PDB file of N, CA and C in Angstrom:
ATOM      1  N   MET A   1     -41.082  -4.241   1.659  1.00  0.00           N
ATOM      2  CA  MET A   1     -40.327  -5.222   0.887  1.00  0.00           C
ATOM      3  C   MET A   1     -38.891  -4.738   0.655  1.00  0.00           C
ATOM      4  N   LEU A   2     -38.766  -3.450   0.287  1.00  0.00           N
ATOM      5  CA  LEU A   2     -37.430  -2.908   0.051  1.00  0.00           C
ATOM      6  C   LEU A   2     -36.604  -2.874   1.334  1.00  0.00           C
ATOM      7  N   GLN A   3     -37.238  -2.544   2.439  1.00  0.00           N
ATOM      8  CA  GLN A   3     -36.516  -2.491   3.717  1.00  0.00           C
ATOM      9  C   GLN A   3     -36.012  -3.875   4.127  1.00  0.00           C
ATOM     10  N   SER A   4     -36.812  -4.895   3.909  1.00  0.00           N
ATOM     11  CA  SER A   4     -36.358  -6.246   4.261  1.00  0.00           C
ATOM     12  C   SER A   4     -35.227  -6.699   3.352  1.00  0.00           C
ATOM     13  N   ALA A   5     -35.271  -6.307   2.081  1.00  0.00           N
ATOM     14  CA  ALA A   5     -34.173  -6.652   1.169  1.00  0.00           C
ATOM     15  C   ALA A   5     -32.890  -5.942   1.579  1.00  0.00           C
ATOM     16  N   LYS A   6     -32.993  -4.691   2.046  1.00  0.00           N
ATOM     17  CA  LYS A   6     -31.816  -3.976   2.537  1.00  0.00           C
ATOM     18  C   LYS A   6     -31.205  -4.685   3.737  1.00  0.00           C
ATOM     19  N   LEU A   7     -32.055  -5.119   4.651  1.00  0.00           N
ATOM     20  CA  LEU A   7     -31.542  -5.784   5.848  1.00  0.00           C
ATOM     21  C   LEU A   7     -30.887  -7.112   5.515  1.00  0.00           C
ATOM     22  N   VAL A   8     -31.482  -7.856   4.600  1.00  0.00           N
ATOM     23  CA  VAL A   8     -30.876  -9.129   4.190  1.00  0.00           C
ATOM     24  C   VAL A   8     -29.548  -8.878   3.477  1.00  0.00           C
ATOM     25  N   GLY A   9     -29.507  -7.882   2.599  1.00  0.00           N
ATOM     26  CA  GLY A   9     -28.268  -7.578   1.886  1.00  0.00           C
ATOM     27  C   GLY A   9     -27.169  -7.114   2.817  1.00  0.00           C
ATOM     28  N   ALA A  10     -27.519  -6.286   3.791  1.00  0.00           N
ATOM     29  CA  ALA A  10     -26.512  -5.840   4.754  1.00  0.00           C
ATOM     30  C   ALA A  10     -26.030  -6.999   5.615  1.00  0.00           C
ATOM     31  N   GLY A  11     -26.921  -7.887   5.975  1.00  0.00           N
ATOM     32  CA  GLY A  11     -26.516  -9.062   6.739  1.00  0.00           C
ATOM     33  C   GLY A  11     -25.586  -9.963   5.962  1.00  0.00           C
ATOM     34  N   LEU A  12     -25.872 -10.129   4.679  1.00  0.00           N
ATOM     35  CA  LEU A  12     -24.985 -10.943   3.844  1.00  0.00           C
ATOM     36  C   LEU A  12     -23.637 -10.268   3.639  1.00  0.00           C
ATOM     37  N   ALA A  13     -23.628  -8.939   3.581  1.00  0.00           N
ATOM     38  CA  ALA A  13     -22.362  -8.222   3.401  1.00  0.00           C
ATOM     39  C   ALA A  13     -21.476  -8.331   4.630  1.00  0.00           C
ATOM     40  N   THR A  14     -22.053  -8.541   5.790  1.00  0.00           N
ATOM     41  CA  THR A  14     -21.239  -8.630   6.999  1.00  0.00           C
ATOM     42  C   THR A  14     -20.659 -10.023   7.230  1.00  0.00           C
ATOM     43  N   ILE A  15     -20.975 -10.967   6.375  1.00  0.00           N
ATOM     44  CA  ILE A  15     -20.360 -12.297   6.493  1.00  0.00           C
ATOM     45  C   ILE A  15     -18.852 -12.207   6.333  1.00  0.00           C
ATOM     46  N   ALA A  16     -18.396 -11.234   5.549  1.00  0.00           N
ATOM     47  CA  ALA A  16     -16.956 -11.061   5.358  1.00  0.00           C
ATOM     48  C   ALA A  16     -16.242 -10.701   6.649  1.00  0.00           C
ATOM     49  N   LEU A  17     -16.950 -10.148   7.618  1.00  0.00           N
ATOM     50  CA  LEU A  17     -16.317  -9.817   8.899  1.00  0.00           C
ATOM     51  C   LEU A  17     -15.873 -11.076   9.636  1.00  0.00           C
ATOM     52  N   ALA A  18     -16.612 -12.151   9.474  1.00  0.00           N
ATOM     53  CA  ALA A  18     -16.187 -13.417  10.089  1.00  0.00           C
ATOM     54  C   ALA A  18     -14.892 -13.911   9.445  1.00  0.00           C
ATOM     55  N   GLY A  19     -14.803 -13.762   8.139  1.00  0.00           N
ATOM     56  CA  GLY A  19     -13.576 -14.145   7.441  1.00  0.00           C
ATOM     57  C   GLY A  19     -12.391 -13.302   7.860  1.00  0.00           C
ATOM     58  N   ALA A  20     -12.636 -12.032   8.103  1.00  0.00           N
ATOM     59  CA  ALA A  20     -11.555 -11.159   8.567  1.00  0.00           C
ATOM     60  C   ALA A  20     -11.089 -11.564   9.959  1.00  0.00           C
ATOM     61  N   GLY A  21     -12.026 -11.944  10.808  1.00  0.00           N
ATOM     62  CA  GLY A  21     -11.649 -12.417  12.141  1.00  0.00           C
ATOM     63  C   GLY A  21     -10.810 -13.677  12.080  1.00  0.00           C
ATOM     64  N   VAL A  22     -11.175 -14.575  11.205  1.00  0.00           N
ATOM     65  CA  VAL A  22     -10.385 -15.801  11.030  1.00  0.00           C
ATOM     66  C   VAL A  22      -9.009 -15.460  10.477  1.00  0.00           C
ATOM     67  N   GLY A  23      -8.964 -14.519   9.533  1.00  0.00           N
ATOM     68  CA  GLY A  23      -7.679 -14.124   8.946  1.00  0.00           C
ATOM     69  C   GLY A  23      -6.741 -13.520   9.974  1.00  0.00           C
ATOM     70  N   ILE A  24      -7.263 -12.686  10.857  1.00  0.00           N
ATOM     71  CA  ILE A  24      -6.429 -12.092  11.901  1.00  0.00           C
ATOM     72  C   ILE A  24      -5.920 -13.172  12.855  1.00  0.00           C
ATOM     73  N   GLY A  25      -6.773 -14.124  13.157  1.00  0.00           N
ATOM     74  CA  GLY A  25      -6.336 -15.236  14.000  1.00  0.00           C
ATOM     75  C   GLY A  25      -5.236 -16.055  13.348  1.00  0.00           C
ATOM     76  N   VAL A  26      -5.338 -16.269  12.050  1.00  0.00           N
ATOM     77  CA  VAL A  26      -4.308 -17.023  11.330  1.00  0.00           C
ATOM     78  C   VAL A  26      -2.989 -16.251  11.314  1.00  0.00           C
ATOM     79  N   VAL A  27      -3.063 -14.939  11.108  1.00  0.00           N
ATOM     80  CA  VAL A  27      -1.842 -14.120  11.062  1.00  0.00           C
ATOM     81  C   VAL A  27      -1.097 -14.203  12.386  1.00  0.00           C
ATOM     82  N   PHE A  28      -1.790 -13.971  13.496  1.00  0.00           N
ATOM     83  CA  PHE A  28      -1.098 -13.966  14.777  1.00  0.00           C
ATOM     84  C   PHE A  28      -0.773 -15.376  15.265  1.00  0.00           C
ATOM     85  N   GLY A  29      -1.561 -16.357  14.882  1.00  0.00           N
ATOM     86  CA  GLY A  29      -1.197 -17.741  15.189  1.00  0.00           C
ATOM     87  C   GLY A  29       0.074 -18.158  14.473  1.00  0.00           C
ATOM     88  N   SER A  30       0.207 -17.724  13.229  1.00  0.00           N
ATOM     89  CA  SER A  30       1.436 -18.018  12.479  1.00  0.00           C
ATOM     90  C   SER A  30       2.629 -17.278  13.063  1.00  0.00           C
ATOM     91  N   LEU A  31       2.385 -16.067  13.567  1.00  0.00           N
ATOM     92  CA  LEU A  31       3.477 -15.320  14.216  1.00  0.00           C
ATOM     93  C   LEU A  31       3.974 -16.072  15.446  1.00  0.00           C
ATOM     94  N   ILE A  32       3.078 -16.549  16.270  1.00  0.00           N
ATOM     95  CA  ILE A  32       3.477 -17.288  17.474  1.00  0.00           C
ATOM     96  C   ILE A  32       4.229 -18.557  17.092  1.00  0.00           C
ATOM     97  N   ASN A  33       3.746 -19.253  16.084  1.00  0.00           N
ATOM     98  CA  ASN A  33       4.409 -20.476  15.639  1.00  0.00           C
ATOM     99  C   ASN A  33       5.803 -20.175  15.097  1.00  0.00           C
ATOM    100  N   SER A  34       5.925 -19.107  14.318  1.00  0.00           N
ATOM    101  CA  SER A  34       7.218 -18.772  13.723  1.00  0.00           C
ATOM    102  C   SER A  34       8.223 -18.321  14.770  1.00  0.00           C
ATOM    103  N   VAL A  35       7.791 -17.527  15.736  1.00  0.00           N
ATOM    104  CA  VAL A  35       8.706 -17.076  16.784  1.00  0.00           C
ATOM    105  C   VAL A  35       9.121 -18.251  17.671  1.00  0.00           C
ATOM    106  N   ALA A  36       8.237 -19.200  17.866  1.00  0.00           N
ATOM    107  CA  ALA A  36       8.605 -20.378  18.650  1.00  0.00           C
ATOM    108  C   ALA A  36       9.664 -21.209  17.935  1.00  0.00           C
ATOM    109  N   ARG A  37       9.613 -21.216  16.606  1.00  0.00           N
ATOM    110  CA  ARG A  37      10.602 -21.980  15.847  1.00  0.00           C
ATOM    111  C   ARG A  37      11.943 -21.260  15.739  1.00  0.00           C
ATOM    112  N   ASN A  38      11.886 -19.914  15.581  1.00  0.00           N
ATOM    113  CA  ASN A  38      13.123 -19.150  15.398  1.00  0.00           C
ATOM    114  C   ASN A  38      12.999 -17.809  16.123  1.00  0.00           C
ATOM    115  N   PRO A  39      13.345 -17.759  17.395  1.00  0.00           N
ATOM    116  CA  PRO A  39      13.164 -16.526  18.167  1.00  0.00           C
ATOM    117  C   PRO A  39      14.030 -15.356  17.707  1.00  0.00           C
ATOM    118  N   SER A  40      15.113 -15.620  16.989  1.00  0.00           N
ATOM    119  CA  SER A  40      15.996 -14.531  16.571  1.00  0.00           C
ATOM    120  C   SER A  40      15.367 -13.653  15.484  1.00  0.00           C
ATOM    121  N   LEU A  41      14.323 -14.131  14.826  1.00  0.00           N
ATOM    122  CA  LEU A  41      13.643 -13.352  13.786  1.00  0.00           C
ATOM    123  C   LEU A  41      12.408 -12.627  14.305  1.00  0.00           C
ATOM    124  N   ASN A  42      12.332 -12.425  15.608  1.00  0.00           N
ATOM    125  CA  ASN A  42      11.132 -11.860  16.220  1.00  0.00           C
ATOM    126  C   ASN A  42      10.781 -10.491  15.641  1.00  0.00           C
ATOM    127  N   ASP A  43      11.752  -9.591  15.537  1.00  0.00           N
ATOM    128  CA  ASP A  43      11.460  -8.231  15.065  1.00  0.00           C
ATOM    129  C   ASP A  43      10.974  -8.220  13.626  1.00  0.00           C
ATOM    130  N   GLN A  44      11.626  -8.979  12.764  1.00  0.00           N
ATOM    131  CA  GLN A  44      11.222  -9.007  11.349  1.00  0.00           C
ATOM    132  C   GLN A  44       9.850  -9.663  11.176  1.00  0.00           C
ATOM    133  N   LEU A  45       9.610 -10.736  11.897  1.00  0.00           N
ATOM    134  CA  LEU A  45       8.319 -11.411  11.781  1.00  0.00           C
ATOM    135  C   LEU A  45       7.183 -10.559  12.331  1.00  0.00           C
ATOM    136  N   PHE A  46       7.460  -9.774  13.376  1.00  0.00           N
ATOM    137  CA  PHE A  46       6.424  -8.924  13.939  1.00  0.00           C
ATOM    138  C   PHE A  46       6.004  -7.849  12.934  1.00  0.00           C
ATOM    139  N   LYS A  47       6.955  -7.313  12.188  1.00  0.00           N
ATOM    140  CA  LYS A  47       6.629  -6.320  11.150  1.00  0.00           C
ATOM    141  C   LYS A  47       5.720  -6.936  10.087  1.00  0.00           C
ATOM    142  N   TYR A  48       6.021  -8.147   9.679  1.00  0.00           N
ATOM    143  CA  TYR A  48       5.177  -8.824   8.689  1.00  0.00           C
ATOM    144  C   TYR A  48       3.790  -9.122   9.253  1.00  0.00           C
ATOM    145  N   ALA A  49       3.728  -9.464  10.531  1.00  0.00           N
ATOM    146  CA  ALA A  49       2.432  -9.759  11.155  1.00  0.00           C
ATOM    147  C   ALA A  49       1.576  -8.500  11.233  1.00  0.00           C
ATOM    148  N   ILE A  50       2.175  -7.365  11.560  1.00  0.00           N
ATOM    149  CA  ILE A  50       1.418  -6.114  11.614  1.00  0.00           C
ATOM    150  C   ILE A  50       0.929  -5.738  10.226  1.00  0.00           C
ATOM    151  N   LEU A  51       1.732  -5.951   9.204  1.00  0.00           N
ATOM    152  CA  LEU A  51       1.302  -5.692   7.833  1.00  0.00           C
ATOM    153  C   LEU A  51       0.130  -6.601   7.450  1.00  0.00           C
ATOM    154  N   GLY A  52       0.219  -7.867   7.798  1.00  0.00           N
ATOM    155  CA  GLY A  52      -0.880  -8.792   7.516  1.00  0.00           C
ATOM    156  C   GLY A  52      -2.139  -8.428   8.273  1.00  0.00           C
ATOM    157  N   PHE A  53      -1.978  -7.980   9.517  1.00  0.00           N
ATOM    158  CA  PHE A  53      -3.126  -7.537  10.304  1.00  0.00           C
ATOM    159  C   PHE A  53      -3.782  -6.322   9.655  1.00  0.00           C
ATOM    160  N   ALA A  54      -2.978  -5.368   9.214  1.00  0.00           N
ATOM    161  CA  ALA A  54      -3.530  -4.147   8.618  1.00  0.00           C
ATOM    162  C   ALA A  54      -4.277  -4.453   7.323  1.00  0.00           C
ATOM    163  N   LEU A  55      -3.739  -5.315   6.499  1.00  0.00           N
ATOM    164  CA  LEU A  55      -4.414  -5.654   5.250  1.00  0.00           C
ATOM    165  C   LEU A  55      -5.707  -6.426   5.498  1.00  0.00           C
ATOM    166  N   THR A  56      -5.686  -7.316   6.467  1.00  0.00           N
ATOM    167  CA  THR A  56      -6.888  -8.074   6.796  1.00  0.00           C
ATOM    168  C   THR A  56      -7.961  -7.159   7.397  1.00  0.00           C
ATOM    169  N   GLU A  57      -7.533  -6.240   8.236  1.00  0.00           N
ATOM    170  CA  GLU A  57      -8.477  -5.311   8.844  1.00  0.00           C
ATOM    171  C   GLU A  57      -9.061  -4.357   7.793  1.00  0.00           C
ATOM    172  N   ALA A  58      -8.280  -4.026   6.780  1.00  0.00           N
ATOM    173  CA  ALA A  58      -8.799  -3.166   5.711  1.00  0.00           C
ATOM    174  C   ALA A  58      -9.930  -3.866   4.964  1.00  0.00           C
ATOM    175  N   ILE A  59      -9.802  -5.156   4.739  1.00  0.00           N
ATOM    176  CA  ILE A  59     -10.876  -5.906   4.083  1.00  0.00           C
ATOM    177  C   ILE A  59     -12.129  -5.904   4.951  1.00  0.00           C
ATOM    178  N   ALA A  60     -11.947  -6.017   6.273  1.00  0.00           N
ATOM    179  CA  ALA A  60     -13.098  -5.980   7.173  1.00  0.00           C
ATOM    180  C   ALA A  60     -13.780  -4.622   7.133  1.00  0.00           C
ATOM    181  N   LEU A  61     -13.001  -3.560   7.077  1.00  0.00           N
ATOM    182  CA  LEU A  61     -13.591  -2.226   7.012  1.00  0.00           C
ATOM    183  C   LEU A  61     -14.321  -2.000   5.690  1.00  0.00           C
ATOM    184  N   PHE A  62     -13.790  -2.549   4.613  1.00  0.00           N
ATOM    185  CA  PHE A  62     -14.493  -2.444   3.327  1.00  0.00           C
ATOM    186  C   PHE A  62     -15.828  -3.182   3.374  1.00  0.00           C
ATOM    187  N   ALA A  63     -15.851  -4.347   4.010  1.00  0.00           N
ATOM    188  CA  ALA A  63     -17.095  -5.111   4.124  1.00  0.00           C
ATOM    189  C   ALA A  63     -18.110  -4.355   4.974  1.00  0.00           C
ATOM    190  N   LEU A  64     -17.639  -3.749   6.057  1.00  0.00           N
ATOM    191  CA  LEU A  64     -18.535  -2.975   6.907  1.00  0.00           C
ATOM    192  C   LEU A  64     -19.065  -1.749   6.160  1.00  0.00           C
ATOM    193  N   MET A  65     -18.205  -1.117   5.369  1.00  0.00           N
ATOM    194  CA  MET A  65     -18.623   0.028   4.572  1.00  0.00           C
ATOM    195  C   MET A  65     -19.688  -0.376   3.559  1.00  0.00           C
ATOM    196  N   MET A  66     -19.535  -1.530   2.945  1.00  0.00           N
ATOM    197  CA  MET A  66     -20.542  -1.992   1.986  1.00  0.00           C
ATOM    198  C   MET A  66     -21.876  -2.259   2.675  1.00  0.00           C
ATOM    199  N   ALA A  67     -21.829  -2.796   3.875  1.00  0.00           N
ATOM    200  CA  ALA A  67     -23.074  -3.038   4.609  1.00  0.00           C
ATOM    201  C   ALA A  67     -23.781  -1.719   4.912  1.00  0.00           C
ATOM    202  N   PHE A  68     -23.027  -0.710   5.331  1.00  0.00           N
ATOM    203  CA  PHE A  68     -23.639   0.591   5.606  1.00  0.00           C
ATOM    204  C   PHE A  68     -24.149   1.253   4.328  1.00  0.00           C
ATOM    205  N   LEU A  69     -23.431   1.079   3.228  1.00  0.00           N
ATOM    206  CA  LEU A  69     -23.904   1.636   1.962  1.00  0.00           C
ATOM    207  C   LEU A  69     -25.223   0.991   1.535  1.00  0.00           C
ATOM    208  N   ILE A  70     -25.320  -0.308   1.712  1.00  0.00           N
ATOM    209  CA  ILE A  70     -26.564  -0.998   1.370  1.00  0.00           C
ATOM    210  C   ILE A  70     -27.709  -0.504   2.244  1.00  0.00           C
ATOM    211  N   LEU A  71     -27.435  -0.324   3.519  1.00  0.00           N
ATOM    212  CA  LEU A  71     -28.502   0.086   4.445  1.00  0.00           C
ATOM    213  C   LEU A  71     -28.963   1.522   4.229  1.00  0.00           C
ATOM    214  N   PHE A  72     -28.039   2.438   3.992  1.00  0.00           N
ATOM    215  CA  PHE A  72     -28.386   3.849   4.072  1.00  0.00           C
ATOM    216  C   PHE A  72     -28.420   4.598   2.753  1.00  0.00           C
ATOM    217  N   THR A  73     -28.011   3.989   1.633  1.00  0.00           N
ATOM    218  CA  THR A  73     -28.020   4.733   0.374  1.00  0.00           C
ATOM    219  C   THR A  73     -29.023   4.200  -0.638  1.00  0.00           C
ATOM    220  N   PHE A  74     -29.263   2.921  -0.653  1.00  0.00           N
ATOM    221  CA  PHE A  74     -30.172   2.378  -1.671  1.00  0.00           C
ATOM    222  C   PHE A  74     -31.598   2.395  -1.200  1.00  0.00           C
TER     223      PHE A  74
END
């Protein structure tokens, strides 16, 4: 019973990874849209896109860490 609850909890914790994937897609989709509108801001917009990617990826890593904590510590 406890093992099945761990697996369900870890599965629910990984739902955030789908949100992180969508977030990364939104960040780079917005970058492409912005550069198409104003190509002269390419360097500045790319820096902001990398920052957005890093923050979104950090949330994904936290979600993955929580899934592993649920599986292997409780």
